[in-house]
C-alpha atoms as a PDB file:
ATOM      1  CA  MET A   1       4.754 -10.666  -7.419  1.00  0.00           C
ATOM      2  CA  LEU A   2       1.890 -10.085  -4.769  1.00  0.00           C
ATOM      3  CA  VAL A   3       2.289  -6.988  -2.499  1.00  0.00           C
ATOM      4  CA  PHE A   4       0.567  -6.334   0.487  1.00  0.00           C
ATOM      5  CA  SER A   5      -0.059  -3.009   2.136  1.00  0.00           C
ATOM      6  CA  ALA A   6      -0.768  -2.756   5.710  1.00  0.00           C
ATOM      7  CA  SER A   7      -0.847  -0.298   8.544  1.00  0.00           C
ATOM      8  CA  ASP A   8      -1.485  -0.191  12.052  1.00  0.00           C
ATOM      9  CA  LYS A   9      -3.368   3.073  12.098  1.00  0.00           C
ATOM     10  CA  GLY A  10      -5.593   5.009   9.570  1.00  0.00           C
ATOM     11  CA  GLY A  11      -4.364   8.207   7.947  1.00  0.00           C
ATOM     12  CA  THR A  12      -0.994   6.898   7.400  1.00  0.00           C
ATOM     13  CA  GLY A  13      -0.989   7.175   3.648  1.00  0.00           C
ATOM     14  CA  ARG A  14      -1.335   3.662   2.834  1.00  0.00           C
ATOM     15  CA  SER A  15      -3.967   3.540   0.133  1.00  0.00           C
ATOM     16  CA  VAL A  16      -2.625   6.568  -1.578  1.00  0.00           C
ATOM     17  CA  THR A  17       0.972   5.601  -1.614  1.00  0.00           C
ATOM     18  CA  SER A  18      -0.070   1.939  -2.642  1.00  0.00           C
ATOM     19  CA  ALA A  19      -2.241   3.546  -5.525  1.00  0.00           C
ATOM     20  CA  ASN A  20       0.835   5.834  -6.617  1.00  0.00           C
ATOM     21  CA  LEU A  21       3.035   2.588  -6.475  1.00  0.00           C
ATOM     22  CA  ALA A  22       0.661   0.763  -8.914  1.00  0.00           C
ATOM     23  CA  TYR A  23       0.464   3.861 -11.216  1.00  0.00           C
ATOM     24  CA  HIS A  24       3.798   3.983 -11.477  1.00  0.00           C
ATOM     25  CA  ARG A  25       4.431   0.345 -12.140  1.00  0.00           C
ATOM     26  CA  SER A  26       1.971   0.715 -14.896  1.00  0.00           C
ATOM     27  CA  LEU A  27       3.624   3.550 -16.326  1.00  0.00           C
ATOM     28  CA  ASP A  28       6.828   1.391 -16.470  1.00  0.00           C
ATOM     29  CA  GLY A  29       4.942  -1.240 -18.534  1.00  0.00           C
ATOM     30  CA  SER A  30       3.762  -3.710 -15.640  1.00  0.00           C
ATOM     31  CA  ASP A  31       0.385  -5.102 -15.820  1.00  0.00           C
ATOM     32  CA  VAL A  32      -0.760  -3.866 -12.494  1.00  0.00           C
ATOM     33  CA  CYS A  33      -4.269  -4.927 -10.270  1.00  0.00           C
ATOM     34  CA  PHE A  34      -5.137  -3.163  -7.382  1.00  0.00           C
ATOM     35  CA  LEU A  35      -7.402  -5.146  -4.859  1.00  0.00           C
ATOM     36  CA  ASP A  36      -9.232  -3.004  -2.372  1.00  0.00           C
ATOM     37  CA  PHE A  37      -9.184  -5.293   0.721  1.00  0.00           C
ATOM     38  CA  ASP A  38      -9.793  -2.348   2.816  1.00  0.00           C
ATOM     39  CA  PHE A  39     -13.087  -3.718   3.741  1.00  0.00           C
ATOM     40  CA  GLY A  40     -13.875  -1.172   6.727  1.00  0.00           C
ATOM     41  CA  SER A  41     -13.020   1.745   4.288  1.00  0.00           C
ATOM     42  CA  PRO A  42     -12.868   0.881   0.922  1.00  0.00           C
ATOM     43  CA  THR A  43     -11.853   4.183  -0.870  1.00  0.00           C
ATOM     44  CA  ALA A  44      -9.367   3.393  -3.824  1.00  0.00           C
ATOM     45  CA  ALA A  45     -11.562   4.161  -6.618  1.00  0.00           C
ATOM     46  CA  THR A  46     -11.375   7.759  -5.072  1.00  0.00           C
ATOM     47  CA  VAL A  47      -7.820   7.957  -5.450  1.00  0.00           C
ATOM     48  CA  PHE A  48      -7.987   6.897  -8.712  1.00  0.00           C
ATOM     49  CA  ASP A  49     -11.024   9.356  -9.655  1.00  0.00           C
ATOM     50  CA  LEU A  50     -13.241   6.687 -10.433  1.00  0.00           C
ATOM     51  CA  PRO A  51     -16.276   8.437  -8.767  1.00  0.00           C
ATOM     52  CA  ASP A  52     -19.066   5.850  -9.996  1.00  0.00           C
ATOM     53  CA  ALA A  53     -16.938   2.877  -8.848  1.00  0.00           C
ATOM     54  CA  LEU A  54     -18.486   2.239  -5.573  1.00  0.00           C
ATOM     55  CA  SER A  55     -22.024   2.436  -6.805  1.00  0.00           C
ATOM     56  CA  GLN A  56     -21.408   0.036  -9.453  1.00  0.00           C
ATOM     57  CA  ALA A  57     -19.438  -2.405  -7.468  1.00  0.00           C
ATOM     58  CA  ASP A  58     -21.977  -2.491  -4.576  1.00  0.00           C
ATOM     59  CA  GLY A  59     -23.133  -6.014  -4.573  1.00  0.00           C
ATOM     60  CA  ALA A  60     -20.485  -6.749  -6.934  1.00  0.00           C
ATOM     61  CA  GLY A  61     -17.269  -6.100  -5.358  1.00  0.00           C
ATOM     62  CA  LEU A  62     -14.819  -7.934  -3.068  1.00  0.00           C
ATOM     63  CA  HIS A  63     -17.031  -8.129  -0.195  1.00  0.00           C
ATOM     64  CA  ALA A  64     -19.990  -9.838  -2.488  1.00  0.00           C
ATOM     65  CA  TYR A  65     -17.452 -12.238  -4.154  1.00  0.00           C
ATOM     66  CA  LEU A  66     -15.570 -13.624  -0.701  1.00  0.00           C
ATOM     67  CA  ARG A  67     -19.142 -14.085   0.768  1.00  0.00           C
ATOM     68  CA  GLY A  68     -20.262 -16.086  -2.473  1.00  0.00           C
ATOM     69  CA  GLU A  69     -23.038 -13.813  -3.565  1.00  0.00           C
ATOM     70  CA  VAL A  70     -21.184 -13.445  -7.035  1.00  0.00           C
ATOM     71  CA  GLY A  71     -18.995 -15.637  -9.209  1.00  0.00           C
ATOM     72  CA  GLU A  72     -16.196 -12.841  -9.724  1.00  0.00           C
ATOM     73  CA  PRO A  73     -15.969  -9.335  -8.529  1.00  0.00           C
ATOM     74  CA  VAL A  74     -16.152  -6.167 -10.755  1.00  0.00           C
ATOM     75  CA  ARG A  75     -13.037  -5.151 -12.315  1.00  0.00           C
ATOM     76  CA  LEU A  76     -12.568  -1.468 -13.700  1.00  0.00           C
ATOM     77  CA  ASP A  77      -9.826  -0.407 -16.167  1.00  0.00           C
ATOM     78  CA  VAL A  78      -8.631   2.401 -14.709  1.00  0.00           C
ATOM     79  CA  TRP A  79      -7.017   3.961 -17.802  1.00  0.00           C
ATOM     80  CA  ALA A  80     -10.546   3.775 -19.377  1.00  0.00           C
ATOM     81  CA  ARG A  81     -12.771   4.671 -16.795  1.00  0.00           C
ATOM     82  CA  THR A  82     -10.871   7.465 -14.759  1.00  0.00           C
ATOM     83  CA  GLU A  83     -11.978  11.167 -14.472  1.00  0.00           C
ATOM     84  CA  HIS A  84      -8.540  12.187 -13.612  1.00  0.00           C
ATOM     85  CA  VAL A  85      -7.708  14.496 -16.732  1.00  0.00           C
ATOM     86  CA  ASP A  86      -4.091  13.371 -16.931  1.00  0.00           C
ATOM     87  CA  LEU A  87      -5.063   9.878 -17.330  1.00  0.00           C
ATOM     88  CA  ARG A  88      -7.612  10.137 -20.012  1.00  0.00           C
ATOM     89  CA  ASP A  89      -4.850   9.370 -22.720  1.00  0.00           C
ATOM     90  CA  ARG A  90      -3.043   6.122 -21.785  1.00  0.00           C
ATOM     91  CA  PRO A  91       0.659   6.907 -22.072  1.00  0.00           C
ATOM     92  CA  GLY A  92       2.436   4.817 -24.567  1.00  0.00           C
ATOM     93  CA  GLY A  93       4.194   1.754 -23.589  1.00  0.00           C
ATOM     94  CA  SER A  94       2.264   1.595 -20.274  1.00  0.00           C
ATOM     95  CA  GLY A  95       0.677  -1.631 -18.998  1.00  0.00           C
ATOM     96  CA  ARG A  96      -2.860  -2.624 -17.738  1.00  0.00           C
ATOM     97  CA  LEU A  97      -4.019  -0.723 -14.382  1.00  0.00           C
ATOM     98  CA  VAL A  98      -6.946  -2.282 -13.049  1.00  0.00           C
ATOM     99  CA  LEU A  99      -8.839  -1.672  -9.905  1.00  0.00           C
ATOM    100  CA  VAL A 100     -11.045  -4.586  -8.031  1.00  0.00           C
ATOM    101  CA  PRO A 101     -13.068  -2.321  -5.509  1.00  0.00           C
ATOM    102  CA  GLY A 102     -14.717  -3.354  -2.479  1.00  0.00           C
ATOM    103  CA  ASP A 103     -18.457  -3.154  -1.924  1.00  0.00           C
ATOM    104  CA  ARG A 104     -19.501   0.573  -0.825  1.00  0.00           C
ATOM    105  CA  SER A 105     -21.998  -1.120   1.905  1.00  0.00           C
ATOM    106  CA  GLY A 106     -19.205  -3.379   2.915  1.00  0.00           C
ATOM    107  CA  GLY A 107     -17.423  -3.549   6.467  1.00  0.00           C
ATOM    108  CA  GLU A 108     -15.053  -5.938   8.448  1.00  0.00           C
ATOM    109  CA  PHE A 109     -16.457  -9.383   8.539  1.00  0.00           C
ATOM    110  CA  VAL A 110     -15.196 -12.759   9.791  1.00  0.00           C
ATOM    111  CA  THR A 111     -13.638 -15.094   7.198  1.00  0.00           C
ATOM    112  CA  GLY A 112     -13.447 -18.691   7.197  1.00  0.00           C
ATOM    113  CA  GLU A 113     -12.609 -21.945   4.876  1.00  0.00           C
ATOM    114  CA  ALA A 114     -14.936 -20.448   2.442  1.00  0.00           C
ATOM    115  CA  GLN A 115     -13.547 -17.025   2.356  1.00  0.00           C
ATOM    116  CA  LEU A 116      -9.947 -18.601   2.051  1.00  0.00           C
ATOM    117  CA  HIS A 117     -10.913 -20.532  -0.829  1.00  0.00           C
ATOM    118  CA  ARG A 118     -12.210 -17.875  -2.953  1.00  0.00           C
ATOM    119  CA  CYS A 119      -9.395 -15.497  -2.021  1.00  0.00           C
ATOM    120  CA  VAL A 120      -6.796 -17.872  -3.440  1.00  0.00           C
ATOM    121  CA  ASP A 121      -8.898 -18.731  -6.262  1.00  0.00           C
ATOM    122  CA  LEU A 122      -8.869 -14.813  -7.243  1.00  0.00           C
ATOM    123  CA  ILE A 123      -5.264 -14.184  -6.553  1.00  0.00           C
ATOM    124  CA  LEU A 124      -4.185 -17.184  -8.632  1.00  0.00           C
ATOM    125  CA  SER A 125      -6.378 -16.361 -11.332  1.00  0.00           C
ATOM    126  CA  LEU A 126      -5.226 -12.583 -11.385  1.00  0.00           C
ATOM    127  CA  LYS A 127      -1.763 -13.958 -11.181  1.00  0.00           C
ATOM    128  CA  ARG A 128      -2.076 -15.251 -14.670  1.00  0.00           C
ATOM    129  CA  GLU A 129      -2.900 -12.177 -16.069  1.00  0.00           C
ATOM    130  CA  PHE A 130      -0.839  -9.238 -13.891  1.00  0.00           C
ATOM    131  CA  ASP A 131       2.764  -8.931 -13.218  1.00  0.00           C
ATOM    132  CA  VAL A 132       2.131  -7.215  -9.788  1.00  0.00           C
ATOM    133  CA  ILE A 133      -1.078  -7.362  -7.692  1.00  0.00           C
ATOM    134  CA  VAL A 134      -1.222  -4.914  -5.002  1.00  0.00           C
ATOM    135  CA  VAL A 135      -3.660  -5.675  -1.890  1.00  0.00           C
ATOM    136  CA  ASP A 136      -4.502  -2.570   0.301  1.00  0.00           C
ATOM    137  CA  LEU A 137      -5.413  -4.077   3.492  1.00  0.00           C
ATOM    138  CA  SER A 138      -7.539  -2.804   6.469  1.00  0.00           C
ATOM    139  CA  ALA A 139      -5.737  -0.952   9.023  1.00  0.00           C
ATOM    140  CA  GLY A 140      -4.447  -3.059  12.004  1.00  0.00           C
ATOM    141  CA  ARG A 141      -4.671  -6.827  12.815  1.00  0.00           C
ATOM    142  CA  SER A 142      -7.917  -7.037  10.790  1.00  0.00           C
ATOM    143  CA  TYR A 143     -10.023  -9.969   9.302  1.00  0.00           C
ATOM    144  CA  ALA A 144      -8.313  -8.680   5.836  1.00  0.00           C
ATOM    145  CA  VAL A 145      -4.931  -9.160   7.204  1.00  0.00           C
ATOM    146  CA  ASP A 146      -5.944 -12.856   8.936  1.00  0.00           C
ATOM    147  CA  LEU A 147      -7.325 -13.934   5.646  1.00  0.00           C
ATOM    148  CA  VAL A 148      -4.170 -13.285   3.478  1.00  0.00           C
ATOM    149  CA  LEU A 149      -1.788 -14.484   6.174  1.00  0.00           C
ATOM    150  CA  ASN A 150      -3.851 -17.922   6.002  1.00  0.00           C
ATOM    151  CA  ALA A 151      -3.837 -17.756   2.089  1.00  0.00           C
ATOM    152  CA  THR A 152      -0.183 -17.392   1.999  1.00  0.00           C
ATOM    153  CA  SER A 153       0.595 -19.892   4.785  1.00  0.00           C
ATOM    154  CA  PRO A 154       2.302 -23.286   3.410  1.00  0.00           C
ATOM    155  CA  SER A 155      -1.277 -24.768   3.458  1.00  0.00           C
ATOM    156  CA  GLY A 156      -3.318 -21.946   2.171  1.00  0.00           C
ATOM    157  CA  GLY A 157      -2.827 -22.102  -1.599  1.00  0.00           C
ATOM    158  CA  LEU A 158      -0.471 -19.168  -2.113  1.00  0.00           C
ATOM    159  CA  GLY A 159       2.637 -20.192  -0.203  1.00  0.00           C
ATOM    160  CA  ARG A 160       4.551 -20.682  -3.136  1.00  0.00           C
ATOM    161  CA  LEU A 161       3.597 -17.274  -4.804  1.00  0.00           C
ATOM    162  CA  LYS A 162       6.269 -14.815  -4.137  1.00  0.00           C
ATOM    163  CA  HIS A 163       4.791 -12.049  -1.829  1.00  0.00           C
ATOM    164  CA  ARG A 164       5.954  -9.056  -0.015  1.00  0.00           C
ATOM    165  CA  TRP A 165       4.578  -6.734   3.077  1.00  0.00           C
ATOM    166  CA  LEU A 166       4.694  -3.004   3.077  1.00  0.00           C
ATOM    167  CA  VAL A 167       4.225  -1.560   6.426  1.00  0.00           C
ATOM    168  CA  PHE A 168       3.191   2.396   6.258  1.00  0.00           C
ATOM    169  CA  HIS A 169       3.326   4.711   9.010  1.00  0.00           C
ATOM    170  CA  ARG A 170       3.505   8.456   9.644  1.00  0.00           C
ATOM    171  CA  TRP A 171       6.891   9.894  11.116  1.00  0.00           C
ATOM    172  CA  THR A 172       5.819  10.520  14.588  1.00  0.00           C
ATOM    173  CA  ARG A 173       6.384   8.916  17.438  1.00  0.00           C
ATOM    174  CA  GLN A 174       2.946   7.205  17.766  1.00  0.00           C
ATOM    175  CA  HIS A 175       2.933   6.002  14.377  1.00  0.00           C
ATOM    176  CA  VAL A 176       6.596   4.625  14.506  1.00  0.00           C
ATOM    177  CA  THR A 177       5.627   2.727  17.672  1.00  0.00           C
ATOM    178  CA  ALA A 178       2.263   1.481  16.076  1.00  0.00           C
ATOM    179  CA  ALA A 179       4.037   0.134  13.093  1.00  0.00           C
ATOM    180  CA  ALA A 180       6.686  -1.693  14.915  1.00  0.00           C
ATOM    181  CA  GLU A 181       3.769  -3.325  17.047  1.00  0.00           C
ATOM    182  CA  LEU A 182       1.876  -4.221  13.720  1.00  0.00           C
ATOM    183  CA  ALA A 183       5.139  -6.259  12.377  1.00  0.00           C
ATOM    184  CA  PHE A 184       6.752  -7.627  15.248  1.00  0.00           C
ATOM    185  CA  GLY A 185       4.347  -7.306  18.433  1.00  0.00           C
ATOM    186  CA  THR A 186       2.805 -10.123  20.338  1.00  0.00           C
ATOM    187  CA  ARG A 187      -0.261 -10.014  17.815  1.00  0.00           C
ATOM    188  CA  GLY A 188       1.610  -8.757  14.959  1.00  0.00           C
ATOM    189  CA  ILE A 189       1.899  -9.851  11.465  1.00  0.00           C
ATOM    190  CA  VAL A 190       4.977 -12.329  12.169  1.00  0.00           C
ATOM    191  CA  ARG A 191       3.671 -13.850  15.119  1.00  0.00           C
ATOM    192  CA  ALA A 192       0.397 -14.589  13.506  1.00  0.00           C
ATOM    193  CA  GLY A 193       2.127 -15.902  10.452  1.00  0.00           C
ATOM    194  CA  VAL A 194       4.132 -18.051  12.417  1.00  0.00           C
ATOM    195  CA  ALA A 195       1.185 -19.437  14.389  1.00  0.00           C
ATOM    196  CA  ARG A 196      -0.292 -20.267  10.756  1.00  0.00           C
ATOM    197  CA  GLY A 197       2.523 -22.184   9.755  1.00  0.00           C
ATOM    198  CA  HIS A 198       4.834 -19.239   8.080  1.00  0.00           C
ATOM    199  CA  ASP A 199       8.682 -19.585   8.436  1.00  0.00           C
ATOM    200  CA  GLU A 200       9.591 -16.868  10.915  1.00  0.00           C
ATOM    201  CA  ASP A 201      12.740 -15.379   9.190  1.00  0.00           C
ATOM    202  CA  ALA A 202      11.293 -15.511   5.926  1.00  0.00           C
ATOM    203  CA  LEU A 203       8.091 -13.565   6.886  1.00  0.00           C
ATOM    204  CA  ARG A 204      10.368 -11.220   8.761  1.00  0.00           C
ATOM    205  CA  ASN A 205      12.441 -10.619   5.540  1.00  0.00           C
ATOM    206  CA  ALA A 206       9.284 -10.088   3.533  1.00  0.00           C
ATOM    207  CA  ILE A 207       8.392  -7.043   5.524  1.00  0.00           C
ATOM    208  CA  ARG A 208       9.466  -3.464   4.643  1.00  0.00           C
ATOM    209  CA  PHE A 209       8.555  -0.143   5.888  1.00  0.00           C
ATOM    210  CA  VAL A 210       7.267   2.902   3.939  1.00  0.00           C
ATOM    211  CA  ARG A 211       7.699   6.139   5.777  1.00  0.00           C
ATOM    212  CA  ALA A 212       4.720   8.901   4.916  1.00  0.00           C
ATOM    213  CA  ALA A 213       4.627  12.729   5.200  1.00  0.00           C
ATOM    214  CA  VAL A 214       8.147  12.758   5.854  1.00  0.00           C
ATOM    215  CA  PRO A 215       9.381  16.623   6.135  1.00  0.00           C
ATOM    216  CA  ASP A 216      12.679  17.032   4.271  1.00  0.00           C
ATOM    217  CA  LEU A 217      14.827  19.342   6.458  1.00  0.00           C
ATOM    218  CA  ALA A 218      17.190  20.374   3.679  1.00  0.00           C
ATOM    219  CA  SER A 219      14.479  21.551   1.545  1.00  0.00           C
ATOM    220  CA  PRO A 220      13.975  25.358   1.091  1.00  0.00           C
ATOM    221  CA  LEU A 221      10.854  25.286   2.971  1.00  0.00           C
ATOM    222  CA  TRP A 222      12.059  23.874   6.304  1.00  0.00           C
ATOM    223  CA  SER A 223      15.354  26.076   5.904  1.00  0.00           C
ATOM    224  CA  GLN A 224      13.081  29.140   5.913  1.00  0.00           C
ATOM    225  CA  THR A 225      11.970  28.555   9.681  1.00  0.00           C
ATOM    226  CA  THR A 226      13.313  30.121  12.610  1.00  0.00           C
ATOM    227  CA  PRO A 227      16.683  28.660  13.856  1.00  0.00           C
ATOM    228  CA  ALA A 228      15.236  27.622  17.071  1.00  0.00           C
ATOM    229  CA  ARG A 229      12.061  25.558  15.427  1.00  0.00           C
ATOM    230  CA  TYR A 230      14.669  24.247  12.955  1.00  0.00           C
ATOM    231  CA  ALA A 231      16.913  22.988  15.765  1.00  0.00           C
ATOM    232  CA  TRP A 232      13.890  21.304  17.526  1.00  0.00           C
ATOM    233  CA  MET A 233      12.972  19.729  14.369  1.00  0.00           C
ATOM    234  CA  LEU A 234      16.250  18.357  13.915  1.00  0.00           C
ATOM    235  CA  ARG A 235      16.215  16.922  17.443  1.00  0.00           C
ATOM    236  CA  CYS A 236      12.745  15.421  16.837  1.00  0.00           C
ATOM    237  CA  ASP A 237      14.087  13.856  13.470  1.00  0.00           C
ATOM    238  CA  GLU A 238      17.082  12.325  15.268  1.00  0.00           C
ATOM    239  CA  ARG A 239      15.130  11.272  18.314  1.00  0.00           C
ATOM    240  CA  LEU A 240      12.613   9.362  15.765  1.00  0.00           C
ATOM    241  CA  GLU A 241      15.340   7.782  14.000  1.00  0.00           C
ATOM    242  CA  GLU A 242      16.567   6.417  17.441  1.00  0.00           C
ATOM    243  CA  LEU A 243      13.176   5.048  18.131  1.00  0.00           C
ATOM    244  CA  ALA A 244      12.893   3.397  14.840  1.00  0.00           C
ATOM    245  CA  SER A 245      16.232   1.999  15.298  1.00  0.00           C
ATOM    246  CA  GLY A 246      15.180   0.628  18.512  1.00  0.00           C
ATOM    247  CA  ARG A 247      11.980  -1.025  17.616  1.00  0.00           C
ATOM    248  CA  GLY A 248      13.662  -2.762  14.647  1.00  0.00           C
ATOM    249  CA  ILE A 249      12.308  -0.643  12.008  1.00  0.00           C
ATOM    250  CA  GLY A 250      15.416   1.511  11.366  1.00  0.00           C
ATOM    251  CA  ARG A 251      16.937   2.677   8.092  1.00  0.00           C
ATOM    252  CA  SER A 252      17.960  -0.713   6.819  1.00  0.00           C
ATOM    253  CA  ARG A 253      14.435  -1.937   6.978  1.00  0.00           C
ATOM    254  CA  VAL A 254      12.790   1.370   5.228  1.00  0.00           C
ATOM    255  CA  LEU A 255      11.917   0.792   1.458  1.00  0.00           C
ATOM    256  CA  ALA A 256      10.985   4.441   0.899  1.00  0.00           C
ATOM    257  CA  SER A 257      10.327   7.591   2.507  1.00  0.00           C
ATOM    258  CA  ILE A 258       7.521   9.737   0.919  1.00  0.00           C
ATOM    259  CA  PRO A 259       8.034  13.564   1.440  1.00  0.00           C
ATOM    260  CA  LEU A 260       5.663  15.792   3.007  1.00  0.00           C
ATOM    261  CA  GLU A 261       3.320  16.847   0.123  1.00  0.00           C
ATOM    262  CA  PRO A 262       0.626  19.500   0.215  1.00  0.00           C
ATOM    263  CA  VAL A 263      -1.004  17.730  -2.977  1.00  0.00           C
ATOM    264  CA  LEU A 264      -1.488  14.582  -0.875  1.00  0.00           C
ATOM    265  CA  GLN A 265      -2.619  16.477   2.392  1.00  0.00           C
ATOM    266  CA  TRP A 266      -5.342  18.172   0.659  1.00  0.00           C
ATOM    267  CA  GLN A 267      -6.273  15.588  -2.095  1.00  0.00           C
ATOM    268  CA  GLU A 268      -5.516  11.820  -1.812  1.00  0.00           C
ATOM    269  CA  ARG A 269      -4.984  11.498  -5.377  1.00  0.00           C
ATOM    270  CA  LEU A 270      -2.517  10.227  -8.050  1.00  0.00           C
ATOM    271  CA  ILE A 271       0.147  12.542  -8.405  1.00  0.00           C
ATOM    272  CA  THR A 272       1.233  12.883 -12.153  1.00  0.00           C
ATOM    273  CA  ASP A 273       4.059  14.297 -14.092  1.00  0.00           C
ATOM    274  CA  GLU A 274       2.028  17.044 -15.533  1.00  0.00           C
ATOM    275  CA  ASP A 275       1.405  17.813 -11.628  1.00  0.00           C
ATOM    276  CA  VAL A 276       5.249  18.483 -11.123  1.00  0.00           C
ATOM    277  CA  HIS A 277       6.206  20.052 -14.390  1.00  0.00           C
ATOM    278  CA  ASP A 278       3.247  21.690 -15.732  1.00  0.00           C
ATOM    279  CA  ARG A 279       1.104  23.018 -13.165  1.00  0.00           C
ATOM    280  CA  ARG A 280       3.934  23.051 -10.720  1.00  0.00           C
ATOM    281  CA  ILE A 281       1.752  21.939  -7.770  1.00  0.00           C
ATOM    282  CA  ALA A 282       3.634  18.791  -6.686  1.00  0.00           C
ATOM    283  CA  GLU A 283       7.335  18.270  -5.641  1.00  0.00           C
ATOM    284  CA  GLN A 284       9.854  16.632  -7.874  1.00  0.00           C
ATOM    285  CA  ALA A 285      11.177  14.553  -4.573  1.00  0.00           C
ATOM    286  CA  THR A 286       7.588  13.278  -4.182  1.00  0.00           C
ATOM    287  CA  TRP A 287       7.467  11.982  -7.940  1.00  0.00           C
ATOM    288  CA  GLN A 288      10.814  10.693  -7.520  1.00  0.00           C
ATOM    289  CA  ALA A 289       9.957   8.745  -4.283  1.00  0.00           C
ATOM    290  CA  MET A 290       6.767   7.099  -5.703  1.00  0.00           C
ATOM    291  CA  GLY A 291       8.871   6.033  -8.604  1.00  0.00           C
ATOM    292  CA  ASP A 292      11.718   4.740  -6.386  1.00  0.00           C
ATOM    293  CA  LEU A 293       9.066   2.762  -4.175  1.00  0.00           C
ATOM    294  CA  ALA A 294       7.589   1.355  -7.456  1.00  0.00           C
ATOM    295  CA  HIS A 295      10.942  -0.174  -8.534  1.00  0.00           C
ATOM    296  CA  ARG A 296      12.174  -1.341  -5.098  1.00  0.00           C
ATOM    297  CA  VAL A 297       9.254  -3.217  -4.366  1.00  0.00           C
ATOM    298  CA  THR A 298      10.264  -5.889  -6.761  1.00  0.00           C
ATOM    299  CA  ASP A 299      13.900  -5.352  -6.806  1.00  0.00           C
ATOM    300  CA  ASP A 300      15.481  -8.494  -5.170  1.00  0.00           C
ATOM    301  CA  SER A 301      18.549  -6.186  -3.880  1.00  0.00           C
ATOM    302  CA  PHE A 302      16.144  -4.273  -1.683  1.00  0.00           C
ATOM    303  CA  TRP A 303      14.957  -7.424   0.134  1.00  0.00           C
ATOM    304  CA  GLU A 304      18.176  -8.918   1.262  1.00  0.00           C
ATOM    305  CA  ALA A 305      18.060 -10.495   4.515  1.00  0.00           C
ATOM    306  CA  ARG A 306      18.162  -7.917   7.325  1.00  0.00           C
END
């Protein structure tokens, strides 16, 4: 399974949620590879607590590979290399968890036929090793997004490989509008894909949305606010639901909602079981939401035609 993580804006929680998705799938026994295609800001290594990754990958990461400067990009075994204290002992029954980082000195760049062929070769090679490949893309209609749309088109080399799109957005008016535009707007993923030969219905059905930093108004935290503020928040939530539904990204197209989580606000990191039950710094609801997302991304029942 090939999973593309996209967002129209930065700060949506795309990278950190995608990394947690990869982590949960690995915990469940899948072999997972995470490709940091966020060429403008390749920071996935920080989420996995691999502080020396960018310096090691500089000149040997995904940028260098796509440009033909190296034969293959560097790979980092997260379980073996992470400095995250909870990940130092790989859990029994877990699968592989590998990061392919971007170059520290990289940046957005125009892609052509040569980059397309290298992208296809890399993903086909990884497909033989891994059950799930998560591709974290640059925000917006970036060169990275165009590259993978070309790669997964009928003539691109990955057209027969099962792939799905996750579009991330925060639970605000601006982010809901931007996410809908990225997916279904005049310059969005679907229109751009159709122009490259994708089947419109198939591509539309391959897109689901992930809401991030969503306040749980039923939680004790929000129930303690003033009655006036609580009523205002309820109205805001209702209006956001109406806006999302009107833009074609209502509940039926939402794969997961990740609660507003202080740990993720202060530290963009993997949330572990120890964070929830031992340290009690993270919420059980967040852990469960990440696990649900990791399960649903490959569960066909959540991807039936909408």
